[in-house]
């Protein structure tokens, strides 16, 4: 359990990402989700580091964590 959360819009962006990925060869749900979370985690941490006064122990992803071009 990683205690991760996401805004509703971030969940929509993540679902769109998975929807596009499922059409690729060798798609695997569990592995794909784990891979999908590695980049958003990094983006989240960088976003939090740029706002030190707003550091939070809870991870709540925003759409830009899943898709930087959102």
PDB file of N, CA and C in Angstrom:
ATOM      1  N   UNK A   1       0.843  -1.176   0.000  1.00  0.00           N
ATOM      2  CA  UNK A   1       0.000   0.000   0.000  1.00  0.00           C
ATOM      3  C   UNK A   1       0.893   1.245   0.000  1.00  0.00           C
ATOM      4  N   UNK A   2       0.730   2.088  -1.005  1.00  0.00           N
ATOM      5  CA  UNK A   2       1.592   3.254  -1.150  1.00  0.00           C
ATOM      6  C   UNK A   2       0.914   4.548  -0.735  1.00  0.00           C
ATOM      7  N   UNK A   3      -0.349   4.499  -0.315  1.00  0.00           N
ATOM      8  CA  UNK A   3      -1.088   5.691   0.099  1.00  0.00           C
ATOM      9  C   UNK A   3      -1.012   6.804  -0.943  1.00  0.00           C
ATOM     10  N   UNK A   4      -1.366   6.469  -2.171  1.00  0.00           N
ATOM     11  CA  UNK A   4      -1.369   7.438  -3.255  1.00  0.00           C
ATOM     12  C   UNK A   4      -2.795   7.881  -3.530  1.00  0.00           C
ATOM     13  N   UNK A   5      -2.944   9.140  -3.876  1.00  0.00           N
ATOM     14  CA  UNK A   5      -4.248   9.668  -4.256  1.00  0.00           C
ATOM     15  C   UNK A   5      -4.117  10.459  -5.536  1.00  0.00           C
ATOM     16  N   UNK A   6      -5.245  10.862  -6.075  1.00  0.00           N
ATOM     17  CA  UNK A   6      -5.247  11.660  -7.302  1.00  0.00           C
ATOM     18  C   UNK A   6      -6.541  12.462  -7.361  1.00  0.00           C
ATOM     19  N   UNK A   7      -6.442  13.631  -7.949  1.00  0.00           N
ATOM     20  CA  UNK A   7      -7.651  14.411  -8.182  1.00  0.00           C
ATOM     21  C   UNK A   7      -8.496  13.682  -9.224  1.00  0.00           C
ATOM     22  N   UNK A   8      -9.756  14.045  -9.320  1.00  0.00           N
ATOM     23  CA  UNK A   8     -10.632  13.402 -10.308  1.00  0.00           C
ATOM     24  C   UNK A   8     -10.099  13.596 -11.724  1.00  0.00           C
ATOM     25  N   UNK A   9      -9.620  14.788 -12.037  1.00  0.00           N
ATOM     26  CA  UNK A   9      -9.084  15.056 -13.378  1.00  0.00           C
ATOM     27  C   UNK A   9      -7.827  14.225 -13.619  1.00  0.00           C
ATOM     28  N   UNK A  10      -6.987  14.083 -12.595  1.00  0.00           N
ATOM     29  CA  UNK A  10      -5.775  13.271 -12.737  1.00  0.00           C
ATOM     30  C   UNK A  10      -6.148  11.812 -13.002  1.00  0.00           C
ATOM     31  N   UNK A  11      -7.200  11.328 -12.365  1.00  0.00           N
ATOM     32  CA  UNK A  11      -7.656   9.954 -12.601  1.00  0.00           C
ATOM     33  C   UNK A  11      -8.107   9.790 -14.049  1.00  0.00           C
ATOM     34  N   UNK A  12      -8.781  10.800 -14.576  1.00  0.00           N
ATOM     35  CA  UNK A  12      -9.230  10.744 -15.976  1.00  0.00           C
ATOM     36  C   UNK A  12      -8.029  10.698 -16.920  1.00  0.00           C
ATOM     37  N   UNK A  13      -7.019  11.508 -16.645  1.00  0.00           N
ATOM     38  CA  UNK A  13      -5.812  11.531 -17.477  1.00  0.00           C
ATOM     39  C   UNK A  13      -5.104  10.177 -17.398  1.00  0.00           C
ATOM     40  N   UNK A  14      -5.011   9.609 -16.197  1.00  0.00           N
ATOM     41  CA  UNK A  14      -4.364   8.304 -16.029  1.00  0.00           C
ATOM     42  C   UNK A  14      -5.129   7.209 -16.764  1.00  0.00           C
ATOM     43  N   UNK A  15      -6.451   7.233 -16.693  1.00  0.00           N
ATOM     44  CA  UNK A  15      -7.258   6.237 -17.404  1.00  0.00           C
ATOM     45  C   UNK A  15      -7.093   6.365 -18.913  1.00  0.00           C
ATOM     46  N   UNK A  16      -6.994   7.582 -19.396  1.00  0.00           N
ATOM     47  CA  UNK A  16      -6.747   7.798 -20.818  1.00  0.00           C
ATOM     48  C   UNK A  16      -5.405   7.228 -21.233  1.00  0.00           C
ATOM     49  N   UNK A  17      -4.404   7.419 -20.384  1.00  0.00           N
ATOM     50  CA  UNK A  17      -3.072   6.878 -20.648  1.00  0.00           C
ATOM     51  C   UNK A  17      -3.134   5.353 -20.726  1.00  0.00           C
ATOM     52  N   UNK A  18      -3.771   4.734 -19.745  1.00  0.00           N
ATOM     53  CA  UNK A  18      -3.875   3.270 -19.750  1.00  0.00           C
ATOM     54  C   UNK A  18      -4.676   2.768 -20.939  1.00  0.00           C
ATOM     55  N   UNK A  19      -5.704   3.494 -21.311  1.00  0.00           N
ATOM     56  CA  UNK A  19      -6.530   3.104 -22.448  1.00  0.00           C
ATOM     57  C   UNK A  19      -5.701   3.066 -23.727  1.00  0.00           C
ATOM     58  N   UNK A  20      -4.828   4.051 -23.893  1.00  0.00           N
ATOM     59  CA  UNK A  20      -3.962   4.076 -25.079  1.00  0.00           C
ATOM     60  C   UNK A  20      -2.919   2.962 -25.018  1.00  0.00           C
ATOM     61  N   UNK A  21      -2.415   2.690 -23.827  1.00  0.00           N
ATOM     62  CA  UNK A  21      -1.368   1.681 -23.669  1.00  0.00           C
ATOM     63  C   UNK A  21      -1.878   0.261 -23.869  1.00  0.00           C
ATOM     64  N   UNK A  22      -3.151   0.017 -23.566  1.00  0.00           N
ATOM     65  CA  UNK A  22      -3.659  -1.359 -23.641  1.00  0.00           C
ATOM     66  C   UNK A  22      -3.686  -1.894 -25.060  1.00  0.00           C
ATOM     67  N   UNK A  23      -3.591  -1.011 -26.034  1.00  0.00           N
ATOM     68  CA  UNK A  23      -3.576  -1.431 -27.426  1.00  0.00           C
ATOM     69  C   UNK A  23      -2.187  -1.841 -27.906  1.00  0.00           C
ATOM     70  N   UNK A  24      -1.203  -1.679 -27.063  1.00  0.00           N
ATOM     71  CA  UNK A  24       0.168  -2.044 -27.436  1.00  0.00           C
ATOM     72  C   UNK A  24       0.416  -3.530 -27.178  1.00  0.00           C
ATOM     73  N   UNK A  25       1.344  -4.094 -27.932  1.00  0.00           N
ATOM     74  CA  UNK A  25       1.692  -5.503 -27.677  1.00  0.00           C
ATOM     75  C   UNK A  25       2.301  -5.659 -26.279  1.00  0.00           C
ATOM     76  N   UNK A  26       2.124  -6.804 -25.694  1.00  0.00           N
ATOM     77  CA  UNK A  26       2.695  -7.142 -24.385  1.00  0.00           C
ATOM     78  C   UNK A  26       2.148  -6.301 -23.236  1.00  0.00           C
ATOM     79  N   UNK A  27       0.932  -5.790 -23.403  1.00  0.00           N
ATOM     80  CA  UNK A  27       0.309  -5.029 -22.320  1.00  0.00           C
ATOM     81  C   UNK A  27       0.007  -5.968 -21.165  1.00  0.00           C
ATOM     82  N   UNK A  28       0.349  -5.540 -19.963  1.00  0.00           N
ATOM     83  CA  UNK A  28       0.014  -6.295 -18.749  1.00  0.00           C
ATOM     84  C   UNK A  28      -0.481  -5.321 -17.701  1.00  0.00           C
ATOM     85  N   UNK A  29      -1.675  -5.509 -17.213  1.00  0.00           N
ATOM     86  CA  UNK A  29      -2.300  -4.550 -16.299  1.00  0.00           C
ATOM     87  C   UNK A  29      -1.423  -4.150 -15.123  1.00  0.00           C
ATOM     88  N   UNK A  30      -1.013  -5.111 -14.309  1.00  0.00           N
ATOM     89  CA  UNK A  30      -0.255  -4.797 -13.100  1.00  0.00           C
ATOM     90  C   UNK A  30       1.067  -4.116 -13.393  1.00  0.00           C
ATOM     91  N   UNK A  31       1.819  -4.694 -14.302  1.00  0.00           N
ATOM     92  CA  UNK A  31       3.110  -4.105 -14.651  1.00  0.00           C
ATOM     93  C   UNK A  31       2.957  -2.734 -15.281  1.00  0.00           C
ATOM     94  N   UNK A  32       1.927  -2.570 -16.076  1.00  0.00           N
ATOM     95  CA  UNK A  32       1.702  -1.286 -16.746  1.00  0.00           C
ATOM     96  C   UNK A  32       1.339  -0.205 -15.730  1.00  0.00           C
ATOM     97  N   UNK A  33       0.536  -0.555 -14.747  1.00  0.00           N
ATOM     98  CA  UNK A  33       0.173   0.416 -13.708  1.00  0.00           C
ATOM     99  C   UNK A  33       1.409   0.814 -12.918  1.00  0.00           C
ATOM    100  N   UNK A  34       2.220  -0.155 -12.548  1.00  0.00           N
ATOM    101  CA  UNK A  34       3.437   0.162 -11.798  1.00  0.00           C
ATOM    102  C   UNK A  34       4.362   1.048 -12.621  1.00  0.00           C
ATOM    103  N   UNK A  35       4.533   0.723 -13.904  1.00  0.00           N
ATOM    104  CA  UNK A  35       5.352   1.559 -14.782  1.00  0.00           C
ATOM    105  C   UNK A  35       4.741   2.947 -14.921  1.00  0.00           C
ATOM    106  N   UNK A  36       3.419   2.993 -15.054  1.00  0.00           N
ATOM    107  CA  UNK A  36       2.734   4.272 -15.231  1.00  0.00           C
ATOM    108  C   UNK A  36       2.945   5.178 -14.025  1.00  0.00           C
ATOM    109  N   UNK A  37       3.059   4.617 -12.833  1.00  0.00           N
ATOM    110  CA  UNK A  37       3.198   5.430 -11.627  1.00  0.00           C
ATOM    111  C   UNK A  37       4.614   5.935 -11.391  1.00  0.00           C
ATOM    112  N   UNK A  38       5.608   5.343 -12.007  1.00  0.00           N
ATOM    113  CA  UNK A  38       6.981   5.767 -11.738  1.00  0.00           C
ATOM    114  C   UNK A  38       7.237   7.199 -12.201  1.00  0.00           C
ATOM    115  N   UNK A  39       6.796   7.558 -13.394  1.00  0.00           N
ATOM    116  CA  UNK A  39       7.003   8.933 -13.878  1.00  0.00           C
ATOM    117  C   UNK A  39       6.162   9.952 -13.111  1.00  0.00           C
ATOM    118  N   UNK A  40       4.896   9.682 -12.856  1.00  0.00           N
ATOM    119  CA  UNK A  40       4.121  10.649 -12.068  1.00  0.00           C
ATOM    120  C   UNK A  40       4.694  10.870 -10.666  1.00  0.00           C
ATOM    121  N   UNK A  41       5.238   9.829 -10.064  1.00  0.00           N
ATOM    122  CA  UNK A  41       5.849   9.998  -8.741  1.00  0.00           C
ATOM    123  C   UNK A  41       7.012  10.980  -8.830  1.00  0.00           C
ATOM    124  N   UNK A  42       7.858  10.809  -9.836  1.00  0.00           N
ATOM    125  CA  UNK A  42       8.992  11.720 -10.015  1.00  0.00           C
ATOM    126  C   UNK A  42       8.512  13.144 -10.263  1.00  0.00           C
ATOM    127  N   UNK A  43       7.511  13.297 -11.126  1.00  0.00           N
ATOM    128  CA  UNK A  43       6.978  14.635 -11.423  1.00  0.00           C
ATOM    129  C   UNK A  43       6.356  15.264 -10.182  1.00  0.00           C
ATOM    130  N   UNK A  44       5.642  14.462  -9.414  1.00  0.00           N
ATOM    131  CA  UNK A  44       5.033  14.955  -8.180  1.00  0.00           C
ATOM    132  C   UNK A  44       6.113  15.472  -7.228  1.00  0.00           C
ATOM    133  N   UNK A  45       7.165  14.669  -7.035  1.00  0.00           N
ATOM    134  CA  UNK A  45       8.227  15.075  -6.114  1.00  0.00           C
ATOM    135  C   UNK A  45       8.925  16.348  -6.579  1.00  0.00           C
ATOM    136  N   UNK A  46       9.145  16.484  -7.879  1.00  0.00           N
ATOM    137  CA  UNK A  46       9.756  17.708  -8.403  1.00  0.00           C
ATOM    138  C   UNK A  46       8.826  18.905  -8.194  1.00  0.00           C
ATOM    139  N   UNK A  47       7.535  18.684  -8.411  1.00  0.00           N
ATOM    140  CA  UNK A  47       6.554  19.754  -8.207  1.00  0.00           C
ATOM    141  C   UNK A  47       6.537  20.176  -6.741  1.00  0.00           C
ATOM    142  N   UNK A  48       6.567  19.210  -5.836  1.00  0.00           N
ATOM    143  CA  UNK A  48       6.570  19.520  -4.405  1.00  0.00           C
ATOM    144  C   UNK A  48       7.858  20.223  -3.988  1.00  0.00           C
ATOM    145  N   UNK A  49       8.979  19.810  -4.563  1.00  0.00           N
ATOM    146  CA  UNK A  49      10.261  20.422  -4.217  1.00  0.00           C
ATOM    147  C   UNK A  49      10.312  21.887  -4.629  1.00  0.00           C
ATOM    148  N   UNK A  50       9.570  22.232  -5.672  1.00  0.00           N
ATOM    149  CA  UNK A  50       9.567  23.623  -6.124  1.00  0.00           C
ATOM    150  C   UNK A  50       8.650  24.491  -5.267  1.00  0.00           C
ATOM    151  N   UNK A  51       7.900  23.869  -4.365  1.00  0.00           N
ATOM    152  CA  UNK A  51       6.991  24.596  -3.479  1.00  0.00           C
ATOM    153  C   UNK A  51       7.224  24.155  -2.035  1.00  0.00           C
ATOM    154  N   UNK A  52       8.397  24.446  -1.462  1.00  0.00           N
ATOM    155  CA  UNK A  52       8.734  23.910  -0.141  1.00  0.00           C
ATOM    156  C   UNK A  52       7.757  24.296   0.963  1.00  0.00           C
ATOM    157  N   UNK A  53       7.088  25.418   0.831  1.00  0.00           N
ATOM    158  CA  UNK A  53       6.156  25.810   1.885  1.00  0.00           C
ATOM    159  C   UNK A  53       4.870  24.993   1.843  1.00  0.00           C
ATOM    160  N   UNK A  54       4.667  24.214   0.776  1.00  0.00           N
ATOM    161  CA  UNK A  54       3.455  23.419   0.635  1.00  0.00           C
ATOM    162  C   UNK A  54       3.728  21.919   0.681  1.00  0.00           C
ATOM    163  N   UNK A  55       4.853  21.521   1.283  1.00  0.00           N
ATOM    164  CA  UNK A  55       5.178  20.102   1.344  1.00  0.00           C
ATOM    165  C   UNK A  55       4.092  19.343   2.093  1.00  0.00           C
ATOM    166  N   UNK A  56       3.772  18.190   1.562  1.00  0.00           N
ATOM    167  CA  UNK A  56       2.731  17.366   2.160  1.00  0.00           C
ATOM    168  C   UNK A  56       3.229  15.939   2.270  1.00  0.00           C
ATOM    169  N   UNK A  57       2.803  15.252   3.304  1.00  0.00           N
ATOM    170  CA  UNK A  57       3.150  13.845   3.448  1.00  0.00           C
ATOM    171  C   UNK A  57       2.245  12.966   2.598  1.00  0.00           C
ATOM    172  N   UNK A  58       1.095  13.485   2.217  1.00  0.00           N
ATOM    173  CA  UNK A  58       0.166  12.750   1.367  1.00  0.00           C
ATOM    174  C   UNK A  58       0.484  13.017  -0.100  1.00  0.00           C
ATOM    175  N   UNK A  59       0.531  11.962  -0.891  1.00  0.00           N
ATOM    176  CA  UNK A  59       0.757  12.116  -2.324  1.00  0.00           C
ATOM    177  C   UNK A  59      -0.590  12.153  -3.018  1.00  0.00           C
ATOM    178  N   UNK A  60      -0.872  13.288  -3.633  1.00  0.00           N
ATOM    179  CA  UNK A  60      -2.099  13.449  -4.418  1.00  0.00           C
ATOM    180  C   UNK A  60      -1.672  13.950  -5.790  1.00  0.00           C
ATOM    181  N   UNK A  61      -1.802  13.068  -6.777  1.00  0.00           N
ATOM    182  CA  UNK A  61      -1.381  13.408  -8.126  1.00  0.00           C
ATOM    183  C   UNK A  61      -2.339  14.397  -8.774  1.00  0.00           C
ATOM    184  N   UNK A  62      -1.753  15.265  -9.585  1.00  0.00           N
ATOM    185  CA  UNK A  62      -2.488  16.207 -10.428  1.00  0.00           C
ATOM    186  C   UNK A  62      -2.365  15.719 -11.873  1.00  0.00           C
ATOM    187  N   UNK A  63      -3.206  16.206 -12.776  1.00  0.00           N
ATOM    188  CA  UNK A  63      -3.132  15.747 -14.171  1.00  0.00           C
ATOM    189  C   UNK A  63      -1.734  15.875 -14.785  1.00  0.00           C
ATOM    190  N   UNK A  64      -1.039  16.965 -14.481  1.00  0.00           N
ATOM    191  CA  UNK A  64       0.285  17.179 -15.073  1.00  0.00           C
ATOM    192  C   UNK A  64       1.322  16.173 -14.575  1.00  0.00           C
ATOM    193  N   UNK A  65       1.034  15.480 -13.488  1.00  0.00           N
ATOM    194  CA  UNK A  65       1.941  14.431 -13.027  1.00  0.00           C
ATOM    195  C   UNK A  65       1.893  13.224 -13.969  1.00  0.00           C
ATOM    196  N   UNK A  66       0.728  12.950 -14.534  1.00  0.00           N
ATOM    197  CA  UNK A  66       0.585  11.846 -15.487  1.00  0.00           C
ATOM    198  C   UNK A  66       0.945  12.267 -16.906  1.00  0.00           C
ATOM    199  N   UNK A  67       0.608  13.502 -17.250  1.00  0.00           N
ATOM    200  CA  UNK A  67       0.874  13.997 -18.604  1.00  0.00           C
ATOM    201  C   UNK A  67       1.362  15.438 -18.510  1.00  0.00           C
ATOM    202  N   UNK A  68       2.684  15.646 -18.648  1.00  0.00           N
ATOM    203  CA  UNK A  68       3.229  17.000 -18.511  1.00  0.00           C
ATOM    204  C   UNK A  68       2.680  17.989 -19.532  1.00  0.00           C
ATOM    205  N   UNK A  69       2.096  17.487 -20.626  1.00  0.00           N
ATOM    206  CA  UNK A  69       1.536  18.377 -21.651  1.00  0.00           C
ATOM    207  C   UNK A  69       0.060  18.656 -21.430  1.00  0.00           C
ATOM    208  N   UNK A  70      -0.480  18.194 -20.311  1.00  0.00           N
ATOM    209  CA  UNK A  70      -1.901  18.348 -20.064  1.00  0.00           C
ATOM    210  C   UNK A  70      -2.298  19.779 -19.986  1.00  0.00           C
TER     211      UNK A  70
END
